[in-house]
Amino acid sequence: MTSFTFSRQLTIAWGDCDPAGIVFNPRFFEFFDTNAWMMFDAALGVAPQNLASHFGIIGIALVDARANFLKPAKFGDVVEITSRISAFRRSSFDVEHRLINGGDLATEGFETRVWTGRDPADPDKIVALPIPKDVIEKFG
């Protein structure tokens, strides 16, 4: 488990909502994806668009995502999303997201991502690469 967390506030826009004015569930996964990339930027000091070139990777591929929807978020709500890495492994890591609305936990998100690059033996293939130790250390 890491100690680094990243939080941001977000105002729910009409475009995030279904006709009933509540956030359309797939939009939460977009919120979480954005937070994951912003968290890496904050922890590493490397902008998301430069992460691949800086580390010689393709990216941090999403391979699993799920969520628990506990309380709706509605048009105009100001929510806080907090993200952290809960586990690092050799080439993959787990990210936990918590969306707070009105002081209550509204949605929990869980992702598994993989540090990916080109296969040196076959550049047309994408492979999991070891996560550099200095990257892991920056997350505490």
N, C-alpha and C. Protein backbone atom coordinates (compact mmCIF):
# COMPACT_ATOMS: atom_id res chain seq x y z
N MET A 1 0.84 -1.17 0.00
CA MET A 1 0.00 0.00 0.00
C MET A 1 0.89 1.24 0.00
N THR A 2 0.52 2.24 -0.76
CA THR A 2 1.30 3.47 -0.85
C THR A 2 0.67 4.57 -0.02
N SER A 3 1.47 5.57 0.30
CA SER A 3 0.96 6.67 1.11
C SER A 3 0.53 7.87 0.27
N PHE A 4 0.97 7.94 -0.98
CA PHE A 4 0.65 9.08 -1.84
C PHE A 4 -0.81 9.00 -2.27
N THR A 5 -1.54 10.08 -2.10
CA THR A 5 -2.91 10.16 -2.60
C THR A 5 -3.04 11.41 -3.46
N PHE A 6 -3.98 11.36 -4.38
CA PHE A 6 -4.27 12.50 -5.24
C PHE A 6 -5.76 12.78 -5.15
N SER A 7 -6.12 14.03 -4.88
CA SER A 7 -7.53 14.42 -4.78
C SER A 7 -7.79 15.64 -5.64
N ARG A 8 -9.01 15.69 -6.14
CA ARG A 8 -9.46 16.88 -6.87
C ARG A 8 -10.97 17.01 -6.71
N GLN A 9 -11.45 18.24 -6.85
CA GLN A 9 -12.89 18.47 -6.85
C GLN A 9 -13.36 18.53 -8.30
N LEU A 10 -14.60 18.12 -8.48
CA LEU A 10 -15.21 18.09 -9.80
C LEU A 10 -16.66 18.50 -9.65
N THR A 11 -17.10 19.43 -10.48
CA THR A 11 -18.52 19.79 -10.51
C THR A 11 -19.18 18.97 -11.60
N ILE A 12 -20.23 18.25 -11.24
CA ILE A 12 -20.93 17.39 -12.19
C ILE A 12 -21.64 18.25 -13.22
N ALA A 13 -21.32 18.02 -14.48
CA ALA A 13 -21.90 18.78 -15.59
C ALA A 13 -23.12 18.04 -16.15
N TRP A 14 -23.97 18.77 -16.87
CA TRP A 14 -25.15 18.15 -17.47
C TRP A 14 -24.76 17.02 -18.41
N GLY A 15 -23.65 17.18 -19.13
CA GLY A 15 -23.19 16.15 -20.07
C GLY A 15 -22.76 14.86 -19.39
N ASP A 16 -22.56 14.89 -18.07
CA ASP A 16 -22.21 13.68 -17.32
C ASP A 16 -23.44 12.87 -16.95
N CYS A 17 -24.61 13.45 -17.16
CA CYS A 17 -25.83 12.88 -16.60
C CYS A 17 -26.74 12.22 -17.64
N ASP A 18 -27.60 11.35 -17.11
CA ASP A 18 -28.64 10.74 -17.93
C ASP A 18 -29.86 11.67 -17.90
N PRO A 19 -30.94 11.34 -18.59
CA PRO A 19 -32.11 12.23 -18.61
C PRO A 19 -32.71 12.52 -17.23
N ALA A 20 -32.44 11.67 -16.23
CA ALA A 20 -32.96 11.91 -14.88
C ALA A 20 -32.08 12.90 -14.11
N GLY A 21 -30.95 13.32 -14.71
CA GLY A 21 -30.09 14.29 -14.05
C GLY A 21 -29.09 13.68 -13.08
N ILE A 22 -28.94 12.35 -13.11
CA ILE A 22 -27.92 11.71 -12.28
C ILE A 22 -26.79 11.20 -13.18
N VAL A 23 -25.59 11.09 -12.61
CA VAL A 23 -24.44 10.69 -13.42
C VAL A 23 -24.67 9.31 -14.03
N PHE A 24 -24.49 9.23 -15.33
CA PHE A 24 -24.57 7.98 -16.08
C PHE A 24 -23.37 7.15 -15.64
N ASN A 25 -23.62 5.94 -15.14
CA ASN A 25 -22.57 5.14 -14.50
C ASN A 25 -21.25 5.05 -15.28
N PRO A 26 -21.25 4.87 -16.61
CA PRO A 26 -19.95 4.80 -17.30
C PRO A 26 -19.10 6.05 -17.14
N ARG A 27 -19.71 7.17 -16.87
CA ARG A 27 -18.93 8.42 -16.69
C ARG A 27 -18.00 8.33 -15.48
N PHE A 28 -18.38 7.56 -14.45
CA PHE A 28 -17.51 7.41 -13.29
C PHE A 28 -16.16 6.81 -13.70
N PHE A 29 -16.20 5.88 -14.66
CA PHE A 29 -14.95 5.27 -15.12
C PHE A 29 -14.07 6.29 -15.84
N GLU A 30 -14.69 7.25 -16.51
CA GLU A 30 -13.92 8.34 -17.12
C GLU A 30 -13.31 9.22 -16.03
N PHE A 31 -14.09 9.53 -14.99
CA PHE A 31 -13.56 10.32 -13.87
C PHE A 31 -12.35 9.61 -13.25
N PHE A 32 -12.47 8.30 -13.05
CA PHE A 32 -11.40 7.54 -12.42
C PHE A 32 -10.16 7.48 -13.32
N ASP A 33 -10.36 7.29 -14.61
CA ASP A 33 -9.24 7.24 -15.54
C ASP A 33 -8.49 8.57 -15.52
N THR A 34 -9.20 9.67 -15.58
CA THR A 34 -8.57 10.99 -15.53
C THR A 34 -7.80 11.15 -14.23
N ASN A 35 -8.39 10.73 -13.12
CA ASN A 35 -7.71 10.86 -11.83
C ASN A 35 -6.42 10.03 -11.79
N ALA A 36 -6.46 8.84 -12.37
CA ALA A 36 -5.26 7.98 -12.38
C ALA A 36 -4.12 8.69 -13.11
N TRP A 37 -4.40 9.24 -14.28
CA TRP A 37 -3.37 9.94 -15.04
C TRP A 37 -2.90 11.19 -14.31
N MET A 38 -3.81 11.93 -13.70
CA MET A 38 -3.42 13.12 -12.94
C MET A 38 -2.60 12.75 -11.71
N MET A 39 -2.91 11.62 -11.09
CA MET A 39 -2.15 11.14 -9.94
C MET A 39 -0.70 10.84 -10.35
N PHE A 40 -0.52 10.18 -11.49
CA PHE A 40 0.84 9.90 -11.96
C PHE A 40 1.59 11.19 -12.24
N ASP A 41 0.92 12.17 -12.82
CA ASP A 41 1.53 13.47 -13.07
C ASP A 41 1.98 14.10 -11.75
N ALA A 42 1.10 14.10 -10.76
CA ALA A 42 1.42 14.71 -9.46
C ALA A 42 2.55 13.98 -8.74
N ALA A 43 2.56 12.65 -8.80
CA ALA A 43 3.58 11.88 -8.08
C ALA A 43 4.93 11.92 -8.78
N LEU A 44 4.94 11.85 -10.11
CA LEU A 44 6.18 11.71 -10.85
C LEU A 44 6.70 13.03 -11.44
N GLY A 45 5.81 14.03 -11.52
CA GLY A 45 6.21 15.29 -12.15
C GLY A 45 6.37 15.17 -13.65
N VAL A 46 5.67 14.21 -14.25
CA VAL A 46 5.71 13.99 -15.70
C VAL A 46 4.29 14.09 -16.22
N ALA A 47 4.06 15.00 -17.14
CA ALA A 47 2.72 15.17 -17.71
C ALA A 47 2.27 13.88 -18.40
N PRO A 48 0.98 13.56 -18.35
CA PRO A 48 0.48 12.32 -18.95
C PRO A 48 0.92 12.12 -20.40
N GLN A 49 0.92 13.18 -21.19
CA GLN A 49 1.30 13.04 -22.60
C GLN A 49 2.80 12.77 -22.77
N ASN A 50 3.59 12.95 -21.71
CA ASN A 50 5.03 12.71 -21.77
C ASN A 50 5.46 11.44 -21.04
N LEU A 51 4.53 10.78 -20.39
CA LEU A 51 4.86 9.59 -19.60
C LEU A 51 5.53 8.52 -20.46
N ALA A 52 4.98 8.26 -21.63
CA ALA A 52 5.53 7.21 -22.50
C ALA A 52 6.95 7.53 -22.93
N SER A 53 7.18 8.73 -23.43
CA SER A 53 8.53 9.06 -23.91
C SER A 53 9.52 9.18 -22.76
N HIS A 54 9.08 9.66 -21.62
CA HIS A 54 9.97 9.82 -20.47
C HIS A 54 10.49 8.48 -19.95
N PHE A 55 9.60 7.48 -19.91
CA PHE A 55 9.97 6.18 -19.35
C PHE A 55 10.21 5.10 -20.41
N GLY A 56 10.04 5.43 -21.69
CA GLY A 56 10.26 4.45 -22.75
C GLY A 56 9.21 3.34 -22.75
N ILE A 57 7.97 3.73 -22.45
CA ILE A 57 6.87 2.77 -22.40
C ILE A 57 5.79 3.19 -23.37
N ILE A 58 4.79 2.35 -23.51
CA ILE A 58 3.60 2.74 -24.27
C ILE A 58 2.64 3.48 -23.35
N GLY A 59 2.49 2.96 -22.14
CA GLY A 59 1.59 3.62 -21.19
C GLY A 59 1.28 2.73 -20.01
N ILE A 60 0.22 3.09 -19.31
CA ILE A 60 -0.26 2.34 -18.15
C ILE A 60 -1.64 1.79 -18.49
N ALA A 61 -1.62 0.67 -19.18
CA ALA A 61 -2.84 0.09 -19.75
C ALA A 61 -3.82 -0.37 -18.67
N LEU A 62 -5.07 -0.05 -18.86
CA LEU A 62 -6.14 -0.50 -17.99
C LEU A 62 -6.54 -1.91 -18.40
N VAL A 63 -6.46 -2.87 -17.46
CA VAL A 63 -6.81 -4.25 -17.79
C VAL A 63 -8.01 -4.76 -16.98
N ASP A 64 -8.39 -4.04 -15.94
CA ASP A 64 -9.56 -4.44 -15.16
C ASP A 64 -10.12 -3.20 -14.48
N ALA A 65 -11.44 -3.08 -14.45
CA ALA A 65 -12.09 -1.95 -13.78
C ALA A 65 -13.44 -2.40 -13.24
N ARG A 66 -13.73 -1.92 -12.05
CA ARG A 66 -15.05 -2.19 -11.47
C ARG A 66 -15.38 -1.07 -10.49
N ALA A 67 -16.63 -1.01 -10.10
CA ALA A 67 -17.05 0.05 -9.18
C ALA A 67 -18.24 -0.41 -8.35
N ASN A 68 -18.35 0.21 -7.20
CA ASN A 68 -19.53 0.06 -6.35
C ASN A 68 -20.22 1.42 -6.31
N PHE A 69 -21.48 1.45 -6.69
CA PHE A 69 -22.25 2.68 -6.74
C PHE A 69 -23.15 2.73 -5.51
N LEU A 70 -22.83 3.64 -4.59
CA LEU A 70 -23.50 3.66 -3.29
C LEU A 70 -24.51 4.79 -3.14
N LYS A 71 -24.26 5.91 -3.79
CA LYS A 71 -25.11 7.09 -3.68
C LYS A 71 -25.01 7.85 -5.00
N PRO A 72 -26.12 8.33 -5.53
CA PRO A 72 -26.03 9.03 -6.83
C PRO A 72 -25.33 10.38 -6.71
N ALA A 73 -24.77 10.79 -7.81
CA ALA A 73 -24.26 12.15 -7.97
C ALA A 73 -25.12 12.80 -9.04
N LYS A 74 -25.48 14.06 -8.82
CA LYS A 74 -26.43 14.74 -9.70
C LYS A 74 -25.82 15.99 -10.33
N PHE A 75 -26.47 16.45 -11.37
CA PHE A 75 -26.08 17.68 -12.07
C PHE A 75 -25.89 18.80 -11.04
N GLY A 76 -24.72 19.43 -11.07
CA GLY A 76 -24.42 20.54 -10.17
C GLY A 76 -23.72 20.15 -8.88
N ASP A 77 -23.73 18.86 -8.52
CA ASP A 77 -23.03 18.43 -7.30
C ASP A 77 -21.53 18.69 -7.45
N VAL A 78 -20.91 19.11 -6.36
CA VAL A 78 -19.46 19.23 -6.31
C VAL A 78 -18.96 18.03 -5.52
N VAL A 79 -18.20 17.19 -6.19
CA VAL A 79 -17.71 15.95 -5.58
C VAL A 79 -16.20 16.02 -5.45
N GLU A 80 -15.65 15.17 -4.59
CA GLU A 80 -14.21 15.05 -4.46
C GLU A 80 -13.82 13.62 -4.82
N ILE A 81 -12.82 13.49 -5.69
CA ILE A 81 -12.32 12.18 -6.08
C ILE A 81 -10.90 12.05 -5.53
N THR A 82 -10.68 10.99 -4.76
CA THR A 82 -9.36 10.71 -4.20
C THR A 82 -8.90 9.35 -4.72
N SER A 83 -7.66 9.31 -5.18
CA SER A 83 -7.10 8.09 -5.76
C SER A 83 -5.76 7.77 -5.12
N ARG A 84 -5.46 6.47 -5.04
CA ARG A 84 -4.16 6.02 -4.54
C ARG A 84 -3.87 4.64 -5.10
N ILE A 85 -2.60 4.30 -5.11
CA ILE A 85 -2.21 2.96 -5.54
C ILE A 85 -2.23 2.07 -4.30
N SER A 86 -3.01 1.01 -4.37
CA SER A 86 -3.12 0.12 -3.20
C SER A 86 -2.12 -1.01 -3.25
N ALA A 87 -1.59 -1.33 -4.43
CA ALA A 87 -0.59 -2.40 -4.52
C ALA A 87 0.22 -2.26 -5.80
N PHE A 88 1.52 -2.43 -5.66
CA PHE A 88 2.42 -2.55 -6.81
C PHE A 88 2.88 -4.00 -6.89
N ARG A 89 2.93 -4.52 -8.10
CA ARG A 89 3.53 -5.81 -8.36
C ARG A 89 4.67 -5.59 -9.38
N ARG A 90 5.21 -6.63 -9.93
CA ARG A 90 6.34 -6.49 -10.85
C ARG A 90 6.03 -5.53 -12.01
N SER A 91 4.91 -5.76 -12.68
CA SER A 91 4.57 -4.94 -13.84
C SER A 91 3.14 -4.39 -13.80
N SER A 92 2.41 -4.71 -12.77
CA SER A 92 1.04 -4.21 -12.66
C SER A 92 0.83 -3.56 -11.30
N PHE A 93 -0.25 -2.81 -11.21
CA PHE A 93 -0.57 -2.14 -9.96
C PHE A 93 -2.08 -1.92 -9.88
N ASP A 94 -2.57 -1.79 -8.65
CA ASP A 94 -3.99 -1.57 -8.39
C ASP A 94 -4.20 -0.13 -7.93
N VAL A 95 -5.26 0.47 -8.45
CA VAL A 95 -5.62 1.84 -8.08
C VAL A 95 -7.00 1.81 -7.44
N GLU A 96 -7.13 2.49 -6.33
CA GLU A 96 -8.44 2.65 -5.66
C GLU A 96 -8.87 4.11 -5.79
N HIS A 97 -10.13 4.29 -6.09
CA HIS A 97 -10.71 5.63 -6.21
C HIS A 97 -11.90 5.72 -5.26
N ARG A 98 -12.04 6.88 -4.64
CA ARG A 98 -13.19 7.14 -3.77
C ARG A 98 -13.80 8.47 -4.18
N LEU A 99 -15.08 8.45 -4.51
CA LEU A 99 -15.78 9.66 -4.87
C LEU A 99 -16.71 10.01 -3.71
N ILE A 100 -16.47 11.19 -3.13
CA ILE A 100 -17.25 11.67 -1.99
C ILE A 100 -18.23 12.73 -2.48
N ASN A 101 -19.48 12.61 -2.08
CA ASN A 101 -20.52 13.56 -2.46
C ASN A 101 -21.28 13.96 -1.20
N GLY A 102 -21.21 15.25 -0.86
CA GLY A 102 -21.92 15.72 0.33
C GLY A 102 -21.41 15.06 1.60
N GLY A 103 -20.13 14.75 1.65
CA GLY A 103 -19.55 14.12 2.83
C GLY A 103 -19.70 12.62 2.90
N ASP A 104 -20.44 12.04 1.96
CA ASP A 104 -20.68 10.59 1.96
C ASP A 104 -19.92 9.92 0.82
N LEU A 105 -19.46 8.69 1.07
CA LEU A 105 -18.87 7.90 0.00
C LEU A 105 -19.98 7.55 -0.99
N ALA A 106 -19.84 8.02 -2.23
CA ALA A 106 -20.87 7.80 -3.24
C ALA A 106 -20.50 6.66 -4.19
N THR A 107 -19.22 6.59 -4.54
CA THR A 107 -18.77 5.56 -5.48
C THR A 107 -17.34 5.16 -5.15
N GLU A 108 -17.09 3.85 -5.20
CA GLU A 108 -15.74 3.32 -5.06
C GLU A 108 -15.36 2.73 -6.40
N GLY A 109 -14.15 3.02 -6.84
CA GLY A 109 -13.67 2.44 -8.09
C GLY A 109 -12.39 1.68 -7.86
N PHE A 110 -12.20 0.63 -8.65
CA PHE A 110 -11.01 -0.22 -8.53
C PHE A 110 -10.50 -0.53 -9.93
N GLU A 111 -9.21 -0.31 -10.13
CA GLU A 111 -8.59 -0.57 -11.42
C GLU A 111 -7.33 -1.41 -11.23
N THR A 112 -7.01 -2.20 -12.23
CA THR A 112 -5.69 -2.81 -12.34
C THR A 112 -5.11 -2.30 -13.65
N ARG A 113 -3.89 -1.83 -13.57
CA ARG A 113 -3.19 -1.28 -14.73
C ARG A 113 -1.85 -1.98 -14.89
N VAL A 114 -1.34 -1.96 -16.12
CA VAL A 114 -0.08 -2.63 -16.43
C VAL A 114 0.87 -1.63 -17.09
N TRP A 115 2.11 -1.64 -16.64
CA TRP A 115 3.19 -0.83 -17.20
C TRP A 115 3.59 -1.53 -18.50
N THR A 116 3.31 -0.93 -19.65
CA THR A 116 3.47 -1.63 -20.92
C THR A 116 4.47 -0.97 -21.85
N GLY A 117 5.05 -1.81 -22.70
CA GLY A 117 5.98 -1.33 -23.72
C GLY A 117 6.01 -2.28 -24.90
N ARG A 118 6.87 -2.00 -25.83
CA ARG A 118 7.04 -2.84 -27.02
C ARG A 118 7.92 -4.05 -26.67
N ASP A 119 7.59 -5.17 -27.24
CA ASP A 119 8.40 -6.38 -27.08
C ASP A 119 9.69 -6.18 -27.88
N PRO A 120 10.86 -6.24 -27.22
CA PRO A 120 12.11 -6.04 -27.95
C PRO A 120 12.31 -7.07 -29.08
N ALA A 121 11.78 -8.26 -28.90
CA ALA A 121 11.92 -9.31 -29.92
C ALA A 121 10.95 -9.13 -31.08
N ASP A 122 9.83 -8.45 -30.82
CA ASP A 122 8.82 -8.24 -31.86
C ASP A 122 8.10 -6.93 -31.57
N PRO A 123 8.58 -5.81 -32.14
CA PRO A 123 8.01 -4.49 -31.84
C PRO A 123 6.53 -4.32 -32.15
N ASP A 124 5.94 -5.28 -32.87
CA ASP A 124 4.50 -5.21 -33.14
C ASP A 124 3.69 -5.68 -31.93
N LYS A 125 4.36 -6.31 -30.96
CA LYS A 125 3.67 -6.82 -29.77
C LYS A 125 3.87 -5.88 -28.58
N ILE A 126 2.84 -5.84 -27.75
CA ILE A 126 2.89 -5.06 -26.51
C ILE A 126 3.08 -6.05 -25.36
N VAL A 127 3.99 -5.72 -24.45
CA VAL A 127 4.27 -6.60 -23.32
C VAL A 127 4.28 -5.81 -22.01
N ALA A 128 4.07 -6.53 -20.93
CA ALA A 128 4.21 -5.95 -19.60
C ALA A 128 5.69 -5.79 -19.29
N LEU A 129 6.05 -4.65 -18.73
CA LEU A 129 7.44 -4.37 -18.36
C LEU A 129 7.53 -4.16 -16.85
N PRO A 130 8.69 -4.44 -16.27
CA PRO A 130 8.84 -4.17 -14.84
C PRO A 130 8.68 -2.67 -14.54
N ILE A 131 7.96 -2.37 -13.49
CA ILE A 131 7.81 -0.98 -13.06
C ILE A 131 9.12 -0.55 -12.41
N PRO A 132 9.70 0.57 -12.86
CA PRO A 132 10.96 1.01 -12.27
C PRO A 132 10.83 1.29 -10.77
N LYS A 133 11.86 0.94 -10.04
CA LYS A 133 11.86 1.11 -8.58
C LYS A 133 11.65 2.58 -8.20
N ASP A 134 12.26 3.50 -8.96
CA ASP A 134 12.10 4.92 -8.61
C ASP A 134 10.66 5.39 -8.79
N VAL A 135 9.92 4.79 -9.71
CA VAL A 135 8.50 5.13 -9.87
C VAL A 135 7.74 4.68 -8.62
N ILE A 136 7.97 3.46 -8.20
CA ILE A 136 7.28 2.93 -7.01
C ILE A 136 7.63 3.77 -5.78
N GLU A 137 8.88 4.15 -5.65
CA GLU A 137 9.32 4.92 -4.48
C GLU A 137 8.64 6.28 -4.40
N LYS A 138 8.33 6.89 -5.54
CA LYS A 138 7.68 8.21 -5.53
C LYS A 138 6.25 8.15 -5.00
N PHE A 139 5.67 6.97 -4.96
CA PHE A 139 4.33 6.81 -4.41
C PHE A 139 4.37 6.49 -2.92
N GLY A 140 5.57 6.44 -2.35
CA GLY A 140 5.72 6.25 -0.90
C GLY A 140 5.39 4.87 -0.45
